[in-house]
Amino acid sequence: VAPDPRVLAYDGSFYVDSMLNGAFEQYLVQELIPFIDANYRQKRTPEGDAGAYRAIMGQSMGGYGSLFY
């Protein structure tokens, strides 16, 4: 899944919460990831946790966001 930060007024604000874009980080963590977990097939632990196999990456601004998280 690759969210497009260009739809926001300030180009995603480096994928973190900001006064210009609001709670972008919170959207990714609290809404997007749970949506993916609920709607897409993923590798999971025997306990059902997909987070153990989750990775995040990015280039340039996305790289900053992924390191920040």
PDB file of N, CA and C in Angstrom:
ATOM      1  N   VAL A   1       0.861  -1.171   0.000  1.00  0.00           N
ATOM      2  CA  VAL A   1       0.000   0.000   0.000  1.00  0.00           C
ATOM      3  C   VAL A   1       0.900   1.224   0.000  1.00  0.00           C
ATOM      4  N   ALA A   2       0.593   2.162  -0.855  1.00  0.00           N
ATOM      5  CA  ALA A   2       1.400   3.375  -0.953  1.00  0.00           C
ATOM      6  C   ALA A   2       0.494   4.602  -0.914  1.00  0.00           C
ATOM      7  N   PRO A   3       0.334   5.233   0.254  1.00  0.00           N
ATOM      8  CA  PRO A   3      -0.484   6.440   0.320  1.00  0.00           C
ATOM      9  C   PRO A   3       0.175   7.564  -0.473  1.00  0.00           C
ATOM     10  N   ASP A   4      -0.638   8.388  -1.105  1.00  0.00           N
ATOM     11  CA  ASP A   4      -0.143   9.492  -1.930  1.00  0.00           C
ATOM     12  C   ASP A   4      -0.245  10.801  -1.144  1.00  0.00           C
ATOM     13  N   PRO A   5       0.876  11.335  -0.660  1.00  0.00           N
ATOM     14  CA  PRO A   5       0.814  12.557   0.150  1.00  0.00           C
ATOM     15  C   PRO A   5       0.537  13.807  -0.674  1.00  0.00           C
ATOM     16  N   ARG A   6       0.597  13.701  -1.995  1.00  0.00           N
ATOM     17  CA  ARG A   6       0.397  14.890  -2.827  1.00  0.00           C
ATOM     18  C   ARG A   6      -1.032  15.393  -2.809  1.00  0.00           C
ATOM     19  N   VAL A   7      -1.948  14.622  -2.257  1.00  0.00           N
ATOM     20  CA  VAL A   7      -3.328  15.077  -2.177  1.00  0.00           C
ATOM     21  C   VAL A   7      -3.519  16.091  -1.050  1.00  0.00           C
ATOM     22  N   LEU A   8      -2.508  16.267  -0.225  1.00  0.00           N
ATOM     23  CA  LEU A   8      -2.590  17.211   0.877  1.00  0.00           C
ATOM     24  C   LEU A   8      -2.002  18.559   0.484  1.00  0.00           C
ATOM     25  N   ALA A   9      -2.374  19.564   1.228  1.00  0.00           N
ATOM     26  CA  ALA A   9      -1.968  20.929   0.895  1.00  0.00           C
ATOM     27  C   ALA A   9      -0.455  21.133   0.933  1.00  0.00           C
ATOM     28  N   TYR A  10       0.243  20.466   1.822  1.00  0.00           N
ATOM     29  CA  TYR A  10       1.681  20.706   1.998  1.00  0.00           C
ATOM     30  C   TYR A  10       2.496  19.472   1.661  1.00  0.00           C
ATOM     31  N   ASP A  11       2.086  18.733   0.646  1.00  0.00           N
ATOM     32  CA  ASP A  11       2.842  17.571   0.163  1.00  0.00           C
ATOM     33  C   ASP A  11       3.106  16.532   1.248  1.00  0.00           C
ATOM     34  N   GLY A  12       2.134  16.286   2.096  1.00  0.00           N
ATOM     35  CA  GLY A  12       2.273  15.216   3.076  1.00  0.00           C
ATOM     36  C   GLY A  12       2.997  15.595   4.339  1.00  0.00           C
ATOM     37  N   SER A  13       3.594  16.774   4.371  1.00  0.00           N
ATOM     38  CA  SER A  13       4.305  17.241   5.553  1.00  0.00           C
ATOM     39  C   SER A  13       5.226  16.166   6.117  1.00  0.00           C
ATOM     40  N   PHE A  14       5.925  15.486   5.232  1.00  0.00           N
ATOM     41  CA  PHE A  14       6.882  14.447   5.599  1.00  0.00           C
ATOM     42  C   PHE A  14       6.236  13.299   6.372  1.00  0.00           C
ATOM     43  N   TYR A  15       4.954  13.052   6.095  1.00  0.00           N
ATOM     44  CA  TYR A  15       4.208  11.930   6.653  1.00  0.00           C
ATOM     45  C   TYR A  15       4.024  12.004   8.164  1.00  0.00           C
ATOM     46  N   VAL A  16       4.184  13.163   8.761  1.00  0.00           N
ATOM     47  CA  VAL A  16       3.984  13.309  10.199  1.00  0.00           C
ATOM     48  C   VAL A  16       2.858  14.302  10.446  1.00  0.00           C
ATOM     49  N   ASP A  17       2.339  14.316  11.659  1.00  0.00           N
ATOM     50  CA  ASP A  17       1.293  15.267  12.008  1.00  0.00           C
ATOM     51  C   ASP A  17       1.841  16.694  11.899  1.00  0.00           C
ATOM     52  N   SER A  18       1.004  17.601  11.404  1.00  0.00           N
ATOM     53  CA  SER A  18       1.426  18.990  11.291  1.00  0.00           C
ATOM     54  C   SER A  18       0.210  19.903  11.359  1.00  0.00           C
ATOM     55  N   MET A  19       0.463  21.161  11.576  1.00  0.00           N
ATOM     56  CA  MET A  19      -0.621  22.140  11.600  1.00  0.00           C
ATOM     57  C   MET A  19      -1.231  22.295  10.214  1.00  0.00           C
ATOM     58  N   LEU A  20      -0.453  22.088   9.164  1.00  0.00           N
ATOM     59  CA  LEU A  20      -0.954  22.272   7.802  1.00  0.00           C
ATOM     60  C   LEU A  20      -1.809  21.107   7.326  1.00  0.00           C
ATOM     61  N   ASN A  21      -1.438  19.898   7.673  1.00  0.00           N
ATOM     62  CA  ASN A  21      -2.145  18.726   7.172  1.00  0.00           C
ATOM     63  C   ASN A  21      -2.919  17.970   8.234  1.00  0.00           C
ATOM     64  N   GLY A  22      -2.884  18.437   9.448  1.00  0.00           N
ATOM     65  CA  GLY A  22      -3.605  17.731  10.499  1.00  0.00           C
ATOM     66  C   GLY A  22      -2.890  16.466  10.932  1.00  0.00           C
ATOM     67  N   ALA A  23      -3.663  15.469  11.258  1.00  0.00           N
ATOM     68  CA  ALA A  23      -3.137  14.250  11.864  1.00  0.00           C
ATOM     69  C   ALA A  23      -2.817  13.195  10.801  1.00  0.00           C
ATOM     70  N   PHE A  24      -1.891  13.494   9.904  1.00  0.00           N
ATOM     71  CA  PHE A  24      -1.539  12.554   8.834  1.00  0.00           C
ATOM     72  C   PHE A  24      -0.915  11.280   9.396  1.00  0.00           C
ATOM     73  N   GLU A  25      -0.023  11.441  10.354  1.00  0.00           N
ATOM     74  CA  GLU A  25       0.596  10.274  10.991  1.00  0.00           C
ATOM     75  C   GLU A  25      -0.471   9.430  11.689  1.00  0.00           C
ATOM     76  N   GLN A  26      -1.364  10.072  12.399  1.00  0.00           N
ATOM     77  CA  GLN A  26      -2.423   9.349  13.095  1.00  0.00           C
ATOM     78  C   GLN A  26      -3.333   8.612  12.115  1.00  0.00           C
ATOM     79  N   TYR A  27      -3.605   9.231  10.974  1.00  0.00           N
ATOM     80  CA  TYR A  27      -4.397   8.569   9.937  1.00  0.00           C
ATOM     81  C   TYR A  27      -3.716   7.276   9.490  1.00  0.00           C
ATOM     82  N   LEU A  28      -2.413   7.347   9.220  1.00  0.00           N
ATOM     83  CA  LEU A  28      -1.703   6.156   8.756  1.00  0.00           C
ATOM     84  C   LEU A  28      -1.713   5.056   9.808  1.00  0.00           C
ATOM     85  N   VAL A  29      -1.444   5.430  11.052  1.00  0.00           N
ATOM     86  CA  VAL A  29      -1.291   4.441  12.117  1.00  0.00           C
ATOM     87  C   VAL A  29      -2.636   3.938  12.637  1.00  0.00           C
ATOM     88  N   GLN A  30      -3.600   4.838  12.810  1.00  0.00           N
ATOM     89  CA  GLN A  30      -4.857   4.449  13.448  1.00  0.00           C
ATOM     90  C   GLN A  30      -5.967   4.073  12.474  1.00  0.00           C
ATOM     91  N   GLU A  31      -5.864   4.511  11.205  1.00  0.00           N
ATOM     92  CA  GLU A  31      -6.922   4.186  10.250  1.00  0.00           C
ATOM     93  C   GLU A  31      -6.445   3.294   9.106  1.00  0.00           C
ATOM     94  N   LEU A  32      -5.337   3.660   8.465  1.00  0.00           N
ATOM     95  CA  LEU A  32      -4.905   2.919   7.286  1.00  0.00           C
ATOM     96  C   LEU A  32      -4.439   1.504   7.621  1.00  0.00           C
ATOM     97  N   ILE A  33      -3.585   1.357   8.614  1.00  0.00           N
ATOM     98  CA  ILE A  33      -3.081   0.026   8.971  1.00  0.00           C
ATOM     99  C   ILE A  33      -4.210  -0.890   9.430  1.00  0.00           C
ATOM    100  N   PRO A  34      -5.119  -0.441  10.310  1.00  0.00           N
ATOM    101  CA  PRO A  34      -6.239  -1.319  10.661  1.00  0.00           C
ATOM    102  C   PRO A  34      -7.123  -1.672   9.459  1.00  0.00           C
ATOM    103  N   PHE A  35      -7.298  -0.745   8.519  1.00  0.00           N
ATOM    104  CA  PHE A  35      -8.069  -1.034   7.311  1.00  0.00           C
ATOM    105  C   PHE A  35      -7.396  -2.128   6.488  1.00  0.00           C
ATOM    106  N   ILE A  36      -6.085  -2.017   6.319  1.00  0.00           N
ATOM    107  CA  ILE A  36      -5.333  -3.033   5.577  1.00  0.00           C
ATOM    108  C   ILE A  36      -5.446  -4.384   6.285  1.00  0.00           C
ATOM    109  N   ASP A  37      -5.276  -4.376   7.609  1.00  0.00           N
ATOM    110  CA  ASP A  37      -5.367  -5.623   8.371  1.00  0.00           C
ATOM    111  C   ASP A  37      -6.737  -6.281   8.215  1.00  0.00           C
ATOM    112  N   ALA A  38      -7.785  -5.475   8.139  1.00  0.00           N
ATOM    113  CA  ALA A  38      -9.145  -6.014   8.065  1.00  0.00           C
ATOM    114  C   ALA A  38      -9.549  -6.453   6.659  1.00  0.00           C
ATOM    115  N   ASN A  39      -8.925  -5.883   5.626  1.00  0.00           N
ATOM    116  CA  ASN A  39      -9.417  -6.090   4.271  1.00  0.00           C
ATOM    117  C   ASN A  39      -8.473  -6.804   3.306  1.00  0.00           C
ATOM    118  N   TYR A  40      -7.234  -7.027   3.707  1.00  0.00           N
ATOM    119  CA  TYR A  40      -6.272  -7.660   2.808  1.00  0.00           C
ATOM    120  C   TYR A  40      -5.650  -8.883   3.467  1.00  0.00           C
ATOM    121  N   ARG A  41      -5.439  -9.888   2.659  1.00  0.00           N
ATOM    122  CA  ARG A  41      -4.799 -11.107   3.156  1.00  0.00           C
ATOM    123  C   ARG A  41      -3.323 -10.814   3.399  1.00  0.00           C
ATOM    124  N   GLN A  42      -2.823 -11.230   4.547  1.00  0.00           N
ATOM    125  CA  GLN A  42      -1.430 -10.983   4.914  1.00  0.00           C
ATOM    126  C   GLN A  42      -0.875 -12.194   5.646  1.00  0.00           C
ATOM    127  N   LYS A  43       0.432 -12.274   5.660  1.00  0.00           N
ATOM    128  CA  LYS A  43       1.079 -13.303   6.465  1.00  0.00           C
ATOM    129  C   LYS A  43       0.890 -12.909   7.930  1.00  0.00           C
ATOM    130  N   ARG A  44       0.554 -13.866   8.759  1.00  0.00           N
ATOM    131  CA  ARG A  44       0.298 -13.598  10.181  1.00  0.00           C
ATOM    132  C   ARG A  44       0.989 -14.640  11.062  1.00  0.00           C
ATOM    133  N   THR A  45       1.227 -14.275  12.301  1.00  0.00           N
ATOM    134  CA  THR A  45       1.747 -15.213  13.284  1.00  0.00           C
ATOM    135  C   THR A  45       0.638 -16.206  13.638  1.00  0.00           C
ATOM    136  N   PRO A  46       0.955 -17.300  14.306  1.00  0.00           N
ATOM    137  CA  PRO A  46      -0.097 -18.231  14.732  1.00  0.00           C
ATOM    138  C   PRO A  46      -1.172 -17.562  15.604  1.00  0.00           C
ATOM    139  N   GLU A  47      -0.803 -16.475  16.270  1.00  0.00           N
ATOM    140  CA  GLU A  47      -1.764 -15.745  17.106  1.00  0.00           C
ATOM    141  C   GLU A  47      -2.628 -14.787  16.274  1.00  0.00           C
ATOM    142  N   GLY A  48      -2.309 -14.633  14.996  1.00  0.00           N
ATOM    143  CA  GLY A  48      -3.100 -13.767  14.115  1.00  0.00           C
ATOM    144  C   GLY A  48      -2.570 -12.360  13.935  1.00  0.00           C
ATOM    145  N   ASP A  49      -1.348 -12.110  14.391  1.00  0.00           N
ATOM    146  CA  ASP A  49      -0.774 -10.767  14.306  1.00  0.00           C
ATOM    147  C   ASP A  49      -0.041 -10.565  12.986  1.00  0.00           C
ATOM    148  N   ALA A  50      -0.484  -9.598  12.193  1.00  0.00           N
ATOM    149  CA  ALA A  50       0.196  -9.284  10.935  1.00  0.00           C
ATOM    150  C   ALA A  50       1.361  -8.317  11.153  1.00  0.00           C
ATOM    151  N   GLY A  51       1.373  -7.630  12.278  1.00  0.00           N
ATOM    152  CA  GLY A  51       2.407  -6.643  12.550  1.00  0.00           C
ATOM    153  C   GLY A  51       3.816  -7.211  12.593  1.00  0.00           C
ATOM    154  N   ALA A  52       3.924  -8.473  12.941  1.00  0.00           N
ATOM    155  CA  ALA A  52       5.246  -9.096  13.006  1.00  0.00           C
ATOM    156  C   ALA A  52       5.908  -9.162  11.632  1.00  0.00           C
ATOM    157  N   TYR A  53       5.116  -9.099  10.578  1.00  0.00           N
ATOM    158  CA  TYR A  53       5.634  -9.192   9.217  1.00  0.00           C
ATOM    159  C   TYR A  53       5.504  -7.866   8.456  1.00  0.00           C
ATOM    160  N   ARG A  54       5.109  -6.823   9.129  1.00  0.00           N
ATOM    161  CA  ARG A  54       4.886  -5.529   8.478  1.00  0.00           C
ATOM    162  C   ARG A  54       6.212  -4.787   8.329  1.00  0.00           C
ATOM    163  N   ALA A  55       6.367  -4.118   7.213  1.00  0.00           N
ATOM    164  CA  ALA A  55       7.550  -3.296   6.973  1.00  0.00           C
ATOM    165  C   ALA A  55       7.092  -1.942   6.444  1.00  0.00           C
ATOM    166  N   ILE A  56       7.912  -0.951   6.642  1.00  0.00           N
ATOM    167  CA  ILE A  56       7.625   0.378   6.118  1.00  0.00           C
ATOM    168  C   ILE A  56       8.901   0.902   5.483  1.00  0.00           C
ATOM    169  N   MET A  57       8.735   1.566   4.362  1.00  0.00           N
ATOM    170  CA  MET A  57       9.900   2.105   3.667  1.00  0.00           C
ATOM    171  C   MET A  57       9.486   3.338   2.890  1.00  0.00           C
ATOM    172  N   GLY A  58      10.449   4.064   2.409  1.00  0.00           N
ATOM    173  CA  GLY A  58      10.151   5.224   1.585  1.00  0.00           C
ATOM    174  C   GLY A  58      11.417   5.812   1.009  1.00  0.00           C
ATOM    175  N   GLN A  59      11.209   6.702   0.077  1.00  0.00           N
ATOM    176  CA  GLN A  59      12.319   7.408  -0.563  1.00  0.00           C
ATOM    177  C   GLN A  59      12.125   8.898  -0.309  1.00  0.00           C
ATOM    178  N   SER A  60      13.185   9.579   0.000  1.00  0.00           N
ATOM    179  CA  SER A  60      13.153  11.016   0.225  1.00  0.00           C
ATOM    180  C   SER A  60      12.203  11.343   1.375  1.00  0.00           C
ATOM    181  N   MET A  61      11.116  12.064   1.115  1.00  0.00           N
ATOM    182  CA  MET A  61      10.176  12.422   2.173  1.00  0.00           C
ATOM    183  C   MET A  61       9.592  11.163   2.827  1.00  0.00           C
ATOM    184  N   GLY A  62       9.293  10.152   2.038  1.00  0.00           N
ATOM    185  CA  GLY A  62       8.773   8.896   2.580  1.00  0.00           C
ATOM    186  C   GLY A  62       9.794   8.178   3.443  1.00  0.00           C
ATOM    187  N   GLY A  63      11.069   8.310   3.103  1.00  0.00           N
ATOM    188  CA  GLY A  63      12.132   7.730   3.924  1.00  0.00           C
ATOM    189  C   GLY A  63      12.177   8.390   5.294  1.00  0.00           C
ATOM    190  N   TYR A  64      12.016   9.713   5.321  1.00  0.00           N
ATOM    191  CA  TYR A  64      11.961  10.412   6.603  1.00  0.00           C
ATOM    192  C   TYR A  64      10.785   9.909   7.426  1.00  0.00           C
ATOM    193  N   GLY A  65       9.626   9.821   6.789  1.00  0.00           N
ATOM    194  CA  GLY A  65       8.449   9.340   7.508  1.00  0.00           C
ATOM    195  C   GLY A  65       8.635   7.946   8.044  1.00  0.00           C
ATOM    196  N   SER A  66       9.218   7.055   7.254  1.00  0.00           N
ATOM    197  CA  SER A  66       9.403   5.679   7.707  1.00  0.00           C
ATOM    198  C   SER A  66      10.409   5.591   8.850  1.00  0.00           C
ATOM    199  N   LEU A  67      11.451   6.407   8.817  1.00  0.00           N
ATOM    200  CA  LEU A  67      12.397   6.423   9.944  1.00  0.00           C
ATOM    201  C   LEU A  67      11.752   7.036  11.181  1.00  0.00           C
ATOM    202  N   PHE A  68      10.929   8.038  10.987  1.00  0.00           N
ATOM    203  CA  PHE A  68      10.245   8.705  12.099  1.00  0.00           C
ATOM    204  C   PHE A  68       9.330   7.724  12.831  1.00  0.00           C
ATOM    205  N   TYR A  69       8.589   6.906  12.071  1.00  0.00           N
ATOM    206  CA  TYR A  69       7.670   5.951  12.685  1.00  0.00           C
ATOM    207  C   TYR A  69       8.425   4.887  13.423  1.00  0.00           C
TER     208      TYR A  69
END
